[in-house]
Protein backbone atom coordinates (compact mmCIF):
# COMPACT_ATOMS: atom_id res chain seq x y z
CA MET A 1 70.06 -83.95 12.24
CA TYR A 2 73.77 -83.25 12.16
CA ARG A 3 75.10 -81.04 14.96
CA LEU A 4 78.24 -79.09 14.09
CA TYR A 5 80.36 -77.47 16.78
CA THR A 6 82.22 -74.66 15.08
CA ARG A 7 83.59 -71.16 15.46
CA ALA A 8 83.84 -68.17 13.15
CA GLY A 9 87.14 -68.18 11.28
CA SER A 10 87.80 -71.84 12.03
CA GLY A 11 88.01 -75.02 9.97
CA GLY A 12 84.26 -75.25 10.41
CA PHE A 13 83.99 -72.93 7.40
CA VAL A 14 84.61 -75.68 4.86
CA VAL A 15 82.28 -78.13 6.63
CA GLU A 16 79.49 -75.56 6.75
CA ALA A 17 80.06 -74.89 3.06
CA ALA A 18 79.78 -78.60 2.28
CA PHE A 19 76.48 -78.88 4.16
CA GLU A 20 75.06 -75.76 2.53
CA LEU A 21 76.07 -76.77 -0.99
CA ALA A 22 74.57 -80.22 -0.45
CA GLY A 23 71.37 -78.71 0.95
CA VAL A 24 71.73 -80.78 4.11
CA PRO A 25 70.19 -79.28 7.28
CA PHE A 26 72.42 -79.09 10.32
CA GLU A 27 72.46 -77.42 13.71
CA ARG A 28 75.30 -74.95 14.09
CA ILE A 29 76.61 -74.70 17.65
CA GLU A 30 79.05 -71.86 18.26
CA VAL A 31 82.00 -72.68 20.49
CA ILE A 32 83.20 -69.43 22.01
CA LYS A 33 86.89 -69.03 22.78
CA GLY A 34 87.53 -68.67 26.48
CA ALA A 35 84.09 -69.93 27.49
CA GLU A 36 83.40 -73.37 28.91
CA PRO A 37 81.92 -75.48 26.09
CA ALA A 38 79.07 -77.94 26.42
CA ALA A 39 79.96 -81.27 28.03
CA GLU A 40 79.07 -83.05 24.78
CA PHE A 41 81.70 -81.05 22.91
CA ARG A 42 84.44 -82.00 25.37
CA THR A 43 83.46 -85.65 25.02
CA ILE A 44 83.69 -85.74 21.24
CA SER A 45 86.64 -83.35 20.91
CA PRO A 46 89.12 -84.15 23.71
CA LEU A 47 91.62 -81.64 22.32
CA GLY A 48 88.98 -78.93 22.48
CA GLN A 49 89.33 -78.23 18.76
CA VAL A 50 86.63 -77.24 16.30
CA PRO A 51 84.98 -78.38 14.18
CA ALA A 52 83.39 -81.41 15.80
CA LEU A 53 80.42 -83.18 14.30
CA VAL A 54 77.66 -85.25 15.90
CA LEU A 55 76.05 -87.62 13.38
CA PRO A 56 72.28 -88.10 13.02
CA GLU A 57 72.57 -91.83 13.69
CA GLY A 58 74.69 -91.31 16.80
CA GLY A 59 78.43 -91.21 17.09
CA ALA A 60 80.64 -88.26 16.32
CA MET A 61 83.80 -87.25 14.53
CA THR A 62 86.49 -84.63 14.42
CA GLU A 63 88.82 -83.60 11.54
CA SER A 64 87.35 -81.24 8.98
CA ALA A 65 88.67 -83.09 5.93
CA ALA A 66 87.09 -86.34 7.09
CA MET A 67 83.78 -84.54 7.64
CA CYS A 68 83.93 -83.10 4.13
CA GLN A 69 84.62 -86.48 2.61
CA LEU A 70 81.75 -88.05 4.57
CA ILE A 71 79.29 -85.36 3.44
CA ALA A 72 80.42 -85.78 -0.17
CA GLU A 73 80.00 -89.55 -0.01
CA ARG A 74 76.61 -89.46 1.71
CA HIS A 75 75.22 -86.84 -0.65
CA PRO A 76 76.71 -87.62 -4.07
CA TYR A 77 74.03 -85.61 -5.88
CA ALA A 78 75.79 -82.44 -4.64
CA ARG A 79 78.94 -83.43 -6.58
CA LEU A 80 81.26 -82.17 -3.86
CA ALA A 81 83.86 -84.72 -4.91
CA PRO A 82 84.60 -86.82 -7.99
CA ALA A 83 82.89 -90.21 -7.91
CA VAL A 84 84.91 -93.15 -6.64
CA ASP A 85 85.54 -94.40 -10.18
CA ALA A 86 86.04 -90.95 -11.75
CA PRO A 87 89.46 -89.90 -13.15
CA GLY A 88 89.72 -87.02 -10.67
CA ARG A 89 89.15 -89.16 -7.57
CA ALA A 90 92.83 -89.84 -6.90
CA ASP A 91 93.67 -86.14 -7.16
CA PHE A 92 90.77 -85.32 -4.83
CA LEU A 93 92.01 -87.70 -2.14
CA ARG A 94 95.60 -86.59 -2.62
CA TRP A 95 95.00 -82.87 -2.35
CA LEU A 96 92.37 -82.98 0.37
CA THR A 97 94.80 -85.01 2.47
CA PHE A 98 97.69 -82.69 1.59
CA LEU A 99 95.66 -79.66 2.62
CA SER A 100 94.65 -81.18 5.94
CA SER A 101 97.90 -82.93 6.86
CA VAL A 102 100.52 -80.50 5.52
CA MET A 103 98.98 -77.07 5.06
CA TYR A 104 96.57 -76.90 7.98
CA PRO A 105 99.21 -77.92 10.59
CA ALA A 106 101.75 -75.49 9.14
CA LEU A 107 99.35 -72.58 9.57
CA LEU A 108 98.37 -73.75 13.06
CA ARG A 109 102.04 -73.63 14.04
CA TYR A 110 102.00 -69.93 13.23
CA PHE A 111 98.82 -69.03 15.08
CA TYR A 112 99.50 -71.33 18.05
CA ALA A 113 103.29 -71.19 18.08
CA GLN A 114 103.42 -71.53 21.87
CA ARG A 115 102.16 -75.11 21.54
CA TYR A 116 105.17 -76.14 19.48
CA THR A 117 108.05 -75.11 21.72
CA THR A 118 108.89 -75.25 25.40
CA ASP A 119 111.24 -72.29 24.97
CA ALA A 120 109.48 -68.96 25.38
CA GLN A 121 112.29 -67.37 23.38
CA GLY A 122 111.68 -69.76 20.51
CA ILE A 123 108.13 -68.74 19.62
CA GLU A 124 109.18 -66.32 16.89
CA ALA A 125 111.38 -68.97 15.29
CA VAL A 126 108.42 -71.36 15.21
CA LYS A 127 106.36 -68.70 13.42
CA VAL A 128 109.07 -68.05 10.84
CA ALA A 129 109.38 -71.76 10.14
CA ALA A 130 105.60 -72.12 9.92
CA ILE A 131 105.33 -69.45 7.24
CA ALA A 132 108.18 -71.02 5.30
CA GLU A 133 106.50 -74.43 5.42
CA SER A 134 103.09 -73.07 4.42
CA ASP A 135 104.64 -71.11 1.56
CA ARG A 136 106.40 -74.24 0.34
CA GLY A 137 103.06 -76.03 0.33
CA PHE A 138 101.29 -73.23 -1.48
CA GLY A 139 104.01 -73.42 -4.12
CA VAL A 140 103.31 -77.13 -4.60
CA LEU A 141 99.58 -76.48 -4.92
CA ASP A 142 100.07 -73.62 -7.36
CA LYS A 143 102.17 -75.84 -9.60
CA ALA A 144 99.55 -78.60 -9.41
CA LEU A 145 96.91 -76.14 -10.63
CA GLU A 146 98.88 -75.16 -13.72
CA GLY A 147 96.74 -75.84 -16.76
CA ARG A 148 93.69 -76.99 -14.81
CA ASP A 149 90.63 -75.22 -13.45
CA TRP A 150 90.31 -77.14 -10.19
CA LEU A 151 92.36 -79.39 -7.96
CA ALA A 152 90.43 -82.53 -8.92
CA GLY A 153 88.52 -83.22 -12.09
CA LYS A 154 86.56 -80.74 -14.19
CA ARG A 155 84.34 -79.38 -11.42
CA MET A 156 84.90 -77.54 -8.17
CA SER A 157 85.14 -79.92 -5.25
CA VAL A 158 85.26 -79.48 -1.51
CA ALA A 159 89.06 -79.70 -1.84
CA ASP A 160 88.99 -76.35 -3.64
CA ILE A 161 86.91 -74.84 -0.84
CA TYR A 162 89.45 -76.18 1.64
CA LEU A 163 92.20 -74.45 -0.35
CA LEU A 164 90.19 -71.21 -0.37
CA MET A 165 89.93 -71.33 3.41
CA LEU A 166 93.62 -71.98 4.00
CA ALA A 167 94.71 -69.38 1.45
CA HIS A 168 92.83 -66.75 3.43
CA TRP A 169 94.43 -67.94 6.66
CA HIS A 170 97.87 -66.91 5.44
CA PRO A 171 99.23 -64.53 8.11
CA GLU A 172 100.57 -62.12 5.49
CA ALA A 173 97.44 -60.58 4.01
CA GLY A 174 97.44 -60.53 0.24
CA LYS A 175 100.53 -62.71 -0.17
CA VAL A 176 98.75 -65.68 -1.71
CA ALA A 177 97.01 -63.53 -4.32
CA ALA A 178 100.23 -61.71 -5.16
CA THR A 179 102.50 -64.76 -5.26
CA TRP A 180 100.55 -67.76 -6.53
CA ALA A 181 98.41 -66.81 -9.50
CA ASN A 182 96.86 -70.23 -10.02
CA ILE A 183 95.69 -70.45 -6.42
CA GLU A 184 94.27 -66.94 -6.59
CA ARG A 185 92.43 -67.85 -9.79
CA VAL A 186 90.75 -70.81 -8.08
CA CYS A 187 89.95 -68.74 -4.99
CA ALA A 188 88.53 -65.85 -7.03
CA ALA A 189 86.22 -68.27 -8.84
CA GLN A 190 84.72 -69.30 -5.50
CA ARG A 191 84.39 -66.03 -3.63
CA ASP A 192 81.27 -64.95 -5.53
CA ILE A 193 79.43 -68.25 -5.17
CA PRO A 194 76.39 -67.22 -3.09
CA VAL A 195 76.78 -69.92 -0.43
CA ILE A 196 80.45 -69.16 0.08
CA ARG A 197 79.93 -65.41 -0.02
CA ASP A 198 77.19 -65.68 2.60
CA LEU A 199 79.35 -67.89 4.85
CA ASN A 200 82.13 -65.34 4.66
CA ALA A 201 79.79 -62.78 6.21
CA SER A 202 79.99 -64.73 9.49
CA HIS A 203 83.48 -66.23 9.17
CA GLU A 204 85.15 -63.09 7.80
CA MET A 205 87.83 -64.97 5.86
CA TRP A 206 88.37 -62.08 3.46
């Protein structure tokens, strides 16, 4: 069985959603902030970041986007991603990578600004820049969604769930919904999906 180290409100949200939508059983292990985690967690996640995933066959991995892609590939019946030869596959890879490599780090720079400067007086400037960078990215995503229902192909994919998660991480509550109508449309279409709605009860994204 998969073992997922996660925390409420973390990037584990999208991985849990992928497992639940695929109907794949997994053990959820809560990593509590400020408490000493299990030795196994420290071994597989040297940076101490969640989520971290232990695979049924042994081995482990970090990086939420990689986990989502693995789950989609191992359980294609769940249709969490366009097939390798499907027209939407390139968009799926593009936007999932954009979300994890551009958007996720920008938002982290806001919430963990102290990690990104050695100047105690510079923390606020880091936060301002982080919001500007995340807003720039949301603008790119909103434009990409113009005239389409989802980020990749004709069905919701795990990339859309990733976008939902990051949209609700924006430090200015309500800004995404008020500013980027296409993103809000995609997010609104997901919030009432039973699996996602139930996950929100523990993650409290919105």
